[in-house]
């Protein structure tokens, strides 16, 4: 039995645009979000703007991008520290089971360590059982629930 080599993880670059957009569209479709090229292009512009808080990593295997991780730093006033928030993590379905998600999370953990961050944090859908197998192996599930409130006019 042969095993695939570990994916190479690197920062997103402008030349990744077409493939990153394919994978990001698939991510949005997976979470049943309304298709929007405006959103896809906006997020891509954030990742390629060095002044924007969002940054990205890509996973390459066999000469192709097979996964993405979009992230940003966040302040943690209760802990007096800074963490890394993993906003988007997605592996091309054809590359699943080859360590892509694990490698992307591992790189974020290394970035957090090198910067003195206190945590790498993310959320996932409660029905995303496949991803939770990985997440339960690499991180501790918290007891915090997430709430979203809509902005109101003042």
N, C-alpha and C. Protein backbone atom coordinates (compact mmCIF):
# COMPACT_ATOMS: atom_id res chain seq x y z
N UNK A 1 0.85 -1.18 0.00
CA UNK A 1 0.00 0.00 0.00
C UNK A 1 0.89 1.24 0.00
N UNK A 2 0.67 2.13 -0.94
CA UNK A 2 1.45 3.37 -0.99
C UNK A 2 0.66 4.48 -0.34
N UNK A 3 1.38 5.38 0.29
CA UNK A 3 0.73 6.54 0.90
C UNK A 3 1.12 7.78 0.13
N UNK A 4 0.20 8.72 0.09
CA UNK A 4 0.48 9.99 -0.58
C UNK A 4 1.42 10.80 0.29
N UNK A 5 2.32 11.55 -0.34
CA UNK A 5 3.19 12.42 0.46
C UNK A 5 2.36 13.50 1.14
N UNK A 6 2.86 13.99 2.25
CA UNK A 6 2.15 15.06 2.96
C UNK A 6 2.01 16.27 2.05
N UNK A 7 0.88 16.96 2.13
CA UNK A 7 0.73 18.15 1.31
C UNK A 7 1.68 19.24 1.75
N UNK A 8 2.04 20.10 0.81
CA UNK A 8 2.85 21.27 1.09
C UNK A 8 1.91 22.40 1.46
N UNK A 9 2.19 23.07 2.56
CA UNK A 9 1.35 24.18 3.01
C UNK A 9 2.13 25.47 2.82
N UNK A 10 1.48 26.46 2.21
CA UNK A 10 2.14 27.75 1.98
C UNK A 10 1.09 28.86 1.98
N UNK A 11 1.55 30.12 2.13
CA UNK A 11 0.60 31.23 2.05
C UNK A 11 -0.02 31.34 0.66
N UNK A 12 -1.24 31.82 0.63
CA UNK A 12 -1.94 32.08 -0.62
C UNK A 12 -1.19 33.18 -1.38
N UNK A 13 -1.08 33.02 -2.69
CA UNK A 13 -0.44 34.04 -3.54
C UNK A 13 -1.41 34.42 -4.66
N UNK A 14 -1.19 35.56 -5.31
CA UNK A 14 -2.08 35.99 -6.39
C UNK A 14 -2.25 34.97 -7.51
N UNK A 15 -1.24 34.15 -7.75
CA UNK A 15 -1.36 33.15 -8.83
C UNK A 15 -2.30 32.01 -8.47
N UNK A 16 -2.75 31.94 -7.22
CA UNK A 16 -3.67 30.89 -6.77
C UNK A 16 -5.13 31.23 -7.03
N UNK A 17 -5.39 32.40 -7.59
CA UNK A 17 -6.77 32.91 -7.66
C UNK A 17 -7.77 31.92 -8.24
N UNK A 18 -7.54 31.39 -9.42
CA UNK A 18 -8.55 30.54 -10.07
C UNK A 18 -8.86 29.31 -9.23
N UNK A 19 -7.84 28.62 -8.76
CA UNK A 19 -8.07 27.39 -7.99
C UNK A 19 -8.64 27.69 -6.62
N UNK A 20 -8.14 28.75 -5.95
CA UNK A 20 -8.69 29.12 -4.65
C UNK A 20 -10.19 29.39 -4.80
N UNK A 21 -10.57 30.13 -5.84
CA UNK A 21 -11.98 30.45 -6.04
C UNK A 21 -12.81 29.18 -6.26
N UNK A 22 -12.29 28.21 -6.99
CA UNK A 22 -13.00 26.94 -7.18
C UNK A 22 -13.26 26.27 -5.82
N UNK A 23 -12.23 26.21 -5.02
CA UNK A 23 -12.36 25.54 -3.73
C UNK A 23 -13.26 26.33 -2.79
N UNK A 24 -13.15 27.67 -2.81
CA UNK A 24 -14.00 28.48 -1.95
C UNK A 24 -15.47 28.38 -2.36
N UNK A 25 -15.73 28.31 -3.66
CA UNK A 25 -17.11 28.10 -4.12
C UNK A 25 -17.64 26.75 -3.60
N UNK A 26 -16.81 25.72 -3.66
CA UNK A 26 -17.21 24.40 -3.17
C UNK A 26 -17.47 24.44 -1.66
N UNK A 27 -16.65 25.19 -0.93
CA UNK A 27 -16.84 25.37 0.51
C UNK A 27 -18.20 26.00 0.78
N UNK A 28 -18.49 27.08 0.04
CA UNK A 28 -19.78 27.76 0.22
C UNK A 28 -20.95 26.85 -0.15
N UNK A 29 -20.79 26.08 -1.18
CA UNK A 29 -21.84 25.14 -1.59
C UNK A 29 -22.05 24.07 -0.51
N UNK A 30 -20.95 23.56 0.05
CA UNK A 30 -21.03 22.56 1.11
C UNK A 30 -21.88 23.05 2.27
N UNK A 31 -21.73 24.34 2.61
CA UNK A 31 -22.49 24.91 3.72
C UNK A 31 -23.82 25.53 3.26
N UNK A 32 -24.23 25.21 2.05
CA UNK A 32 -25.51 25.63 1.49
C UNK A 32 -25.70 27.15 1.52
N UNK A 33 -24.64 27.87 1.24
CA UNK A 33 -24.71 29.32 1.15
C UNK A 33 -25.13 29.71 -0.26
N UNK A 34 -25.85 30.80 -0.37
CA UNK A 34 -26.32 31.26 -1.67
C UNK A 34 -25.10 31.57 -2.54
N UNK A 35 -25.06 31.04 -3.77
CA UNK A 35 -23.92 31.35 -4.64
C UNK A 35 -23.78 32.86 -4.85
N UNK A 36 -22.56 33.36 -4.78
CA UNK A 36 -22.32 34.79 -4.96
C UNK A 36 -20.88 35.01 -5.42
N UNK A 37 -20.74 35.34 -6.68
CA UNK A 37 -19.41 35.69 -7.18
C UNK A 37 -18.89 36.97 -6.53
N UNK A 38 -19.81 37.85 -6.13
CA UNK A 38 -19.40 39.08 -5.44
C UNK A 38 -18.69 38.74 -4.14
N UNK A 39 -19.23 37.81 -3.38
CA UNK A 39 -18.60 37.41 -2.11
C UNK A 39 -17.28 36.70 -2.38
N UNK A 40 -17.26 35.80 -3.34
CA UNK A 40 -16.03 35.07 -3.66
C UNK A 40 -14.93 36.06 -4.02
N UNK A 41 -15.25 37.03 -4.87
CA UNK A 41 -14.25 38.03 -5.29
C UNK A 41 -13.85 38.93 -4.13
N UNK A 42 -14.80 39.29 -3.29
CA UNK A 42 -14.48 40.15 -2.14
C UNK A 42 -13.51 39.46 -1.20
N UNK A 43 -13.79 38.19 -0.88
CA UNK A 43 -12.90 37.47 0.04
C UNK A 43 -11.52 37.30 -0.59
N UNK A 44 -11.48 37.00 -1.89
CA UNK A 44 -10.18 36.89 -2.56
C UNK A 44 -9.42 38.20 -2.45
N UNK A 45 -10.12 39.33 -2.63
CA UNK A 45 -9.44 40.63 -2.53
C UNK A 45 -8.89 40.85 -1.12
N UNK A 46 -9.58 40.37 -0.12
CA UNK A 46 -9.07 40.48 1.25
C UNK A 46 -7.77 39.70 1.40
N UNK A 47 -7.75 38.49 0.86
CA UNK A 47 -6.57 37.64 1.02
C UNK A 47 -5.35 38.18 0.30
N UNK A 48 -5.57 38.96 -0.74
CA UNK A 48 -4.45 39.49 -1.52
C UNK A 48 -4.12 40.93 -1.14
N UNK A 49 -4.78 41.46 -0.13
CA UNK A 49 -4.52 42.81 0.37
C UNK A 49 -3.72 42.68 1.66
N UNK A 50 -2.45 43.02 1.61
CA UNK A 50 -1.59 42.84 2.78
C UNK A 50 -2.04 43.68 3.97
N UNK A 51 -2.87 44.69 3.75
CA UNK A 51 -3.36 45.51 4.85
C UNK A 51 -4.63 44.93 5.49
N UNK A 52 -5.22 43.94 4.87
CA UNK A 52 -6.45 43.35 5.43
C UNK A 52 -6.10 42.30 6.48
N UNK A 53 -6.98 42.14 7.46
CA UNK A 53 -6.72 41.18 8.54
C UNK A 53 -6.77 39.72 8.10
N UNK A 54 -7.51 39.41 7.06
CA UNK A 54 -7.62 38.01 6.61
C UNK A 54 -6.39 37.58 5.84
N UNK A 55 -5.96 36.37 6.10
CA UNK A 55 -4.84 35.76 5.41
C UNK A 55 -5.25 34.36 4.99
N UNK A 56 -4.51 33.78 4.07
CA UNK A 56 -4.86 32.46 3.62
C UNK A 56 -3.66 31.55 3.48
N UNK A 57 -3.94 30.27 3.62
CA UNK A 57 -2.98 29.21 3.33
C UNK A 57 -3.60 28.30 2.29
N UNK A 58 -2.75 27.68 1.48
CA UNK A 58 -3.20 26.65 0.57
C UNK A 58 -2.38 25.39 0.82
N UNK A 59 -3.02 24.26 0.53
CA UNK A 59 -2.35 22.96 0.60
C UNK A 59 -2.18 22.48 -0.82
N UNK A 60 -0.95 22.10 -1.17
CA UNK A 60 -0.67 21.57 -2.51
C UNK A 60 -0.28 20.11 -2.41
N UNK A 61 -0.78 19.33 -3.37
CA UNK A 61 -0.39 17.93 -3.49
C UNK A 61 -0.42 17.59 -4.97
N UNK A 62 0.58 16.88 -5.40
CA UNK A 62 0.66 16.47 -6.80
C UNK A 62 0.53 17.65 -7.76
N UNK A 63 1.10 18.79 -7.36
CA UNK A 63 1.12 19.97 -8.23
C UNK A 63 -0.16 20.76 -8.30
N UNK A 64 -1.11 20.46 -7.44
CA UNK A 64 -2.39 21.17 -7.48
C UNK A 64 -2.80 21.60 -6.07
N UNK A 65 -3.52 22.69 -5.99
CA UNK A 65 -4.07 23.13 -4.70
C UNK A 65 -5.26 22.24 -4.37
N UNK A 66 -5.20 21.61 -3.19
CA UNK A 66 -6.24 20.67 -2.79
C UNK A 66 -6.97 21.10 -1.51
N UNK A 67 -6.54 22.21 -0.92
CA UNK A 67 -7.21 22.68 0.29
C UNK A 67 -6.86 24.12 0.57
N UNK A 68 -7.76 24.77 1.34
CA UNK A 68 -7.55 26.17 1.73
C UNK A 68 -7.86 26.35 3.21
N UNK A 69 -7.22 27.34 3.79
CA UNK A 69 -7.53 27.78 5.15
C UNK A 69 -7.41 29.29 5.18
N UNK A 70 -8.49 29.96 5.51
CA UNK A 70 -8.51 31.42 5.62
C UNK A 70 -8.62 31.76 7.11
N UNK A 71 -7.80 32.69 7.57
CA UNK A 71 -7.72 32.94 9.00
C UNK A 71 -7.38 34.39 9.30
N UNK A 72 -7.50 34.74 10.58
CA UNK A 72 -7.17 36.09 11.06
C UNK A 72 -6.87 36.03 12.54
N UNK A 73 -6.22 37.03 13.04
CA UNK A 73 -5.95 37.11 14.47
C UNK A 73 -7.12 37.80 15.16
N UNK A 74 -7.31 37.47 16.44
CA UNK A 74 -8.36 38.14 17.21
C UNK A 74 -7.88 38.35 18.65
N UNK A 75 -8.31 39.46 19.22
CA UNK A 75 -7.97 39.77 20.61
C UNK A 75 -8.85 38.96 21.53
N UNK A 76 -8.26 38.53 22.65
CA UNK A 76 -8.98 37.75 23.66
C UNK A 76 -8.89 38.50 24.99
N UNK A 77 -9.73 39.53 25.18
CA UNK A 77 -9.63 40.34 26.40
C UNK A 77 -9.68 39.52 27.69
N UNK A 78 -10.52 38.49 27.76
CA UNK A 78 -10.63 37.73 28.99
C UNK A 78 -9.34 36.98 29.33
N UNK A 79 -8.55 36.68 28.30
CA UNK A 79 -7.28 35.98 28.51
C UNK A 79 -6.08 36.92 28.40
N UNK A 80 -6.34 38.16 27.96
CA UNK A 80 -5.23 39.09 27.77
C UNK A 80 -4.26 38.61 26.72
N UNK A 81 -4.79 37.99 25.67
CA UNK A 81 -3.92 37.42 24.65
C UNK A 81 -4.56 37.57 23.27
N UNK A 82 -3.84 37.07 22.28
CA UNK A 82 -4.31 37.07 20.89
C UNK A 82 -4.38 35.63 20.43
N UNK A 83 -5.41 35.33 19.66
CA UNK A 83 -5.56 34.00 19.09
C UNK A 83 -5.65 34.09 17.58
N UNK A 84 -5.66 32.94 16.96
CA UNK A 84 -5.88 32.85 15.51
C UNK A 84 -7.24 32.22 15.30
N UNK A 85 -8.07 32.89 14.52
CA UNK A 85 -9.40 32.40 14.19
C UNK A 85 -9.36 31.81 12.79
N UNK A 86 -9.67 30.54 12.70
CA UNK A 86 -9.75 29.84 11.42
C UNK A 86 -11.17 30.01 10.89
N UNK A 87 -11.33 30.86 9.89
CA UNK A 87 -12.66 31.13 9.34
C UNK A 87 -13.13 30.03 8.40
N UNK A 88 -12.28 29.64 7.47
CA UNK A 88 -12.68 28.72 6.42
C UNK A 88 -11.61 27.64 6.27
N UNK A 89 -12.03 26.40 6.32
CA UNK A 89 -11.13 25.27 6.08
C UNK A 89 -11.87 24.32 5.16
N UNK A 90 -11.26 24.01 4.02
CA UNK A 90 -11.94 23.12 3.08
C UNK A 90 -10.91 22.36 2.27
N UNK A 91 -11.20 21.07 2.11
CA UNK A 91 -10.37 20.19 1.30
C UNK A 91 -11.19 19.72 0.11
N UNK A 92 -10.59 19.74 -1.06
CA UNK A 92 -11.24 19.21 -2.25
C UNK A 92 -11.70 17.79 -1.91
N UNK A 93 -12.97 17.46 -2.18
CA UNK A 93 -13.47 16.12 -1.83
C UNK A 93 -12.60 14.99 -2.39
N UNK A 94 -11.98 15.17 -3.53
CA UNK A 94 -11.13 14.13 -4.12
C UNK A 94 -9.83 13.92 -3.34
N UNK A 95 -9.48 14.89 -2.48
CA UNK A 95 -8.23 14.80 -1.72
C UNK A 95 -8.47 14.49 -0.25
N UNK A 96 -9.70 14.26 0.14
CA UNK A 96 -10.00 13.98 1.55
C UNK A 96 -9.37 12.67 1.99
N UNK A 97 -9.01 12.64 3.27
CA UNK A 97 -8.39 11.45 3.82
C UNK A 97 -6.89 11.37 3.59
N UNK A 98 -6.31 12.44 3.03
CA UNK A 98 -4.87 12.45 2.75
C UNK A 98 -4.10 13.41 3.67
N UNK A 99 -4.74 13.87 4.73
CA UNK A 99 -4.04 14.70 5.71
C UNK A 99 -4.01 16.18 5.39
N UNK A 100 -4.83 16.62 4.44
CA UNK A 100 -4.82 18.04 4.04
C UNK A 100 -5.31 18.94 5.16
N UNK A 101 -6.49 18.66 5.71
CA UNK A 101 -7.01 19.48 6.81
C UNK A 101 -6.09 19.47 8.01
N UNK A 102 -5.58 18.30 8.36
CA UNK A 102 -4.65 18.18 9.49
C UNK A 102 -3.40 19.04 9.26
N UNK A 103 -2.87 19.02 8.02
CA UNK A 103 -1.66 19.79 7.71
C UNK A 103 -1.93 21.29 7.78
N UNK A 104 -3.09 21.72 7.32
CA UNK A 104 -3.43 23.15 7.39
C UNK A 104 -3.57 23.60 8.84
N UNK A 105 -4.26 22.81 9.65
CA UNK A 105 -4.40 23.16 11.07
C UNK A 105 -3.05 23.15 11.76
N UNK A 106 -2.22 22.18 11.46
CA UNK A 106 -0.89 22.11 12.05
C UNK A 106 -0.07 23.36 11.72
N UNK A 107 -0.16 23.82 10.48
CA UNK A 107 0.57 25.05 10.13
C UNK A 107 0.05 26.24 10.91
N UNK A 108 -1.27 26.32 11.09
CA UNK A 108 -1.82 27.42 11.89
C UNK A 108 -1.35 27.33 13.34
N UNK A 109 -1.25 26.12 13.87
CA UNK A 109 -0.73 25.95 15.23
C UNK A 109 0.73 26.42 15.31
N UNK A 110 1.51 26.14 14.29
CA UNK A 110 2.91 26.58 14.26
C UNK A 110 2.99 28.10 14.17
N UNK A 111 2.13 28.71 13.35
CA UNK A 111 2.10 30.17 13.26
C UNK A 111 1.73 30.76 14.61
N UNK A 112 0.71 30.19 15.24
CA UNK A 112 0.29 30.68 16.57
C UNK A 112 1.44 30.59 17.57
N UNK A 113 2.14 29.48 17.55
CA UNK A 113 3.27 29.30 18.47
C UNK A 113 4.36 30.33 18.21
N UNK A 114 4.70 30.53 16.94
CA UNK A 114 5.79 31.46 16.62
C UNK A 114 5.43 32.91 16.95
N UNK A 115 4.15 33.23 16.98
CA UNK A 115 3.71 34.59 17.27
C UNK A 115 3.29 34.78 18.73
N UNK A 116 3.36 33.74 19.52
CA UNK A 116 2.95 33.84 20.92
C UNK A 116 1.44 33.90 21.10
N UNK A 117 0.68 33.42 20.14
CA UNK A 117 -0.78 33.39 20.26
C UNK A 117 -1.18 32.29 21.24
N UNK A 118 -2.33 32.47 21.85
CA UNK A 118 -2.76 31.54 22.89
C UNK A 118 -3.63 30.40 22.39
N UNK A 119 -4.18 30.51 21.18
CA UNK A 119 -5.11 29.48 20.72
C UNK A 119 -5.31 29.60 19.21
N UNK A 120 -5.66 28.49 18.58
CA UNK A 120 -6.23 28.48 17.23
C UNK A 120 -7.66 27.99 17.44
N UNK A 121 -8.62 28.79 16.98
CA UNK A 121 -10.03 28.49 17.27
C UNK A 121 -10.83 28.49 15.98
N UNK A 122 -11.85 27.64 15.93
CA UNK A 122 -12.77 27.61 14.80
C UNK A 122 -14.09 27.03 15.25
N UNK A 123 -15.07 27.17 14.38
CA UNK A 123 -16.37 26.54 14.58
C UNK A 123 -16.66 25.67 13.37
N UNK A 124 -17.57 24.74 13.54
CA UNK A 124 -18.05 23.93 12.42
C UNK A 124 -19.51 23.63 12.64
N UNK A 125 -20.17 23.24 11.59
CA UNK A 125 -21.58 22.87 11.70
C UNK A 125 -21.71 21.62 12.56
N UNK A 126 -22.77 21.56 13.36
CA UNK A 126 -22.91 20.40 14.25
C UNK A 126 -23.19 19.11 13.49
N UNK A 127 -23.57 19.21 12.21
CA UNK A 127 -23.79 18.00 11.43
C UNK A 127 -22.60 17.63 10.53
N UNK A 128 -21.50 18.33 10.68
CA UNK A 128 -20.30 18.04 9.89
C UNK A 128 -19.47 16.95 10.59
N UNK A 129 -20.03 15.76 10.63
CA UNK A 129 -19.43 14.67 11.39
C UNK A 129 -18.05 14.27 10.85
N UNK A 130 -17.88 14.30 9.54
CA UNK A 130 -16.59 13.90 8.96
C UNK A 130 -15.47 14.81 9.45
N UNK A 131 -15.70 16.11 9.41
CA UNK A 131 -14.68 17.05 9.88
C UNK A 131 -14.44 16.91 11.38
N UNK A 132 -15.49 16.63 12.13
CA UNK A 132 -15.35 16.54 13.58
C UNK A 132 -14.47 15.37 14.00
N UNK A 133 -14.37 14.35 13.19
CA UNK A 133 -13.43 13.26 13.51
C UNK A 133 -12.01 13.81 13.58
N UNK A 134 -11.64 14.62 12.60
CA UNK A 134 -10.32 15.27 12.62
C UNK A 134 -10.22 16.25 13.78
N UNK A 135 -11.21 17.12 13.91
CA UNK A 135 -11.15 18.18 14.92
C UNK A 135 -11.03 17.59 16.33
N UNK A 136 -11.75 16.51 16.59
CA UNK A 136 -11.66 15.88 17.91
C UNK A 136 -10.28 15.31 18.17
N UNK A 137 -9.55 15.01 17.11
CA UNK A 137 -8.21 14.45 17.25
C UNK A 137 -7.14 15.54 17.46
N UNK A 138 -7.37 16.74 16.90
CA UNK A 138 -6.32 17.77 16.95
C UNK A 138 -6.63 18.92 17.91
N UNK A 139 -7.84 18.96 18.45
CA UNK A 139 -8.23 20.09 19.30
C UNK A 139 -9.22 19.63 20.36
N UNK A 140 -9.48 20.50 21.31
CA UNK A 140 -10.46 20.21 22.36
C UNK A 140 -11.76 20.93 22.05
N UNK A 141 -12.85 20.18 22.06
CA UNK A 141 -14.17 20.78 21.85
C UNK A 141 -14.50 21.61 23.09
N UNK A 142 -15.00 22.81 22.86
CA UNK A 142 -15.36 23.67 23.99
C UNK A 142 -16.83 23.50 24.34
N UNK A 143 -17.25 24.09 25.44
CA UNK A 143 -18.65 24.05 25.82
C UNK A 143 -19.38 25.35 25.46
N UNK A 144 -18.75 26.18 24.64
CA UNK A 144 -19.35 27.46 24.26
C UNK A 144 -20.27 27.29 23.06
N UNK A 145 -21.41 27.95 23.10
CA UNK A 145 -22.36 27.99 22.00
C UNK A 145 -22.17 29.30 21.24
N UNK A 146 -22.48 29.29 19.97
CA UNK A 146 -22.32 30.48 19.13
C UNK A 146 -23.69 31.10 18.87
N UNK A 147 -23.77 32.42 18.98
CA UNK A 147 -24.99 33.16 18.69
C UNK A 147 -24.68 34.22 17.65
N UNK A 148 -25.63 34.49 16.77
CA UNK A 148 -25.52 35.55 15.77
C UNK A 148 -26.69 36.51 15.95
N UNK A 149 -26.41 37.78 16.14
CA UNK A 149 -27.45 38.81 16.22
C UNK A 149 -27.33 39.73 15.01
N UNK A 150 -28.46 40.05 14.43
CA UNK A 150 -28.45 40.94 13.26
C UNK A 150 -28.26 42.38 13.71
N UNK A 151 -27.55 43.17 12.92
CA UNK A 151 -27.42 44.59 13.25
C UNK A 151 -28.79 45.27 13.21
N UNK A 152 -28.97 46.25 14.06
CA UNK A 152 -30.22 47.02 14.06
C UNK A 152 -29.92 48.46 13.73
N UNK A 153 -30.92 49.12 13.20
CA UNK A 153 -30.76 50.54 12.88
C UNK A 153 -30.88 51.35 14.15
N UNK A 154 -30.09 52.41 14.24
CA UNK A 154 -30.15 53.27 15.42
C UNK A 154 -30.84 54.56 15.11
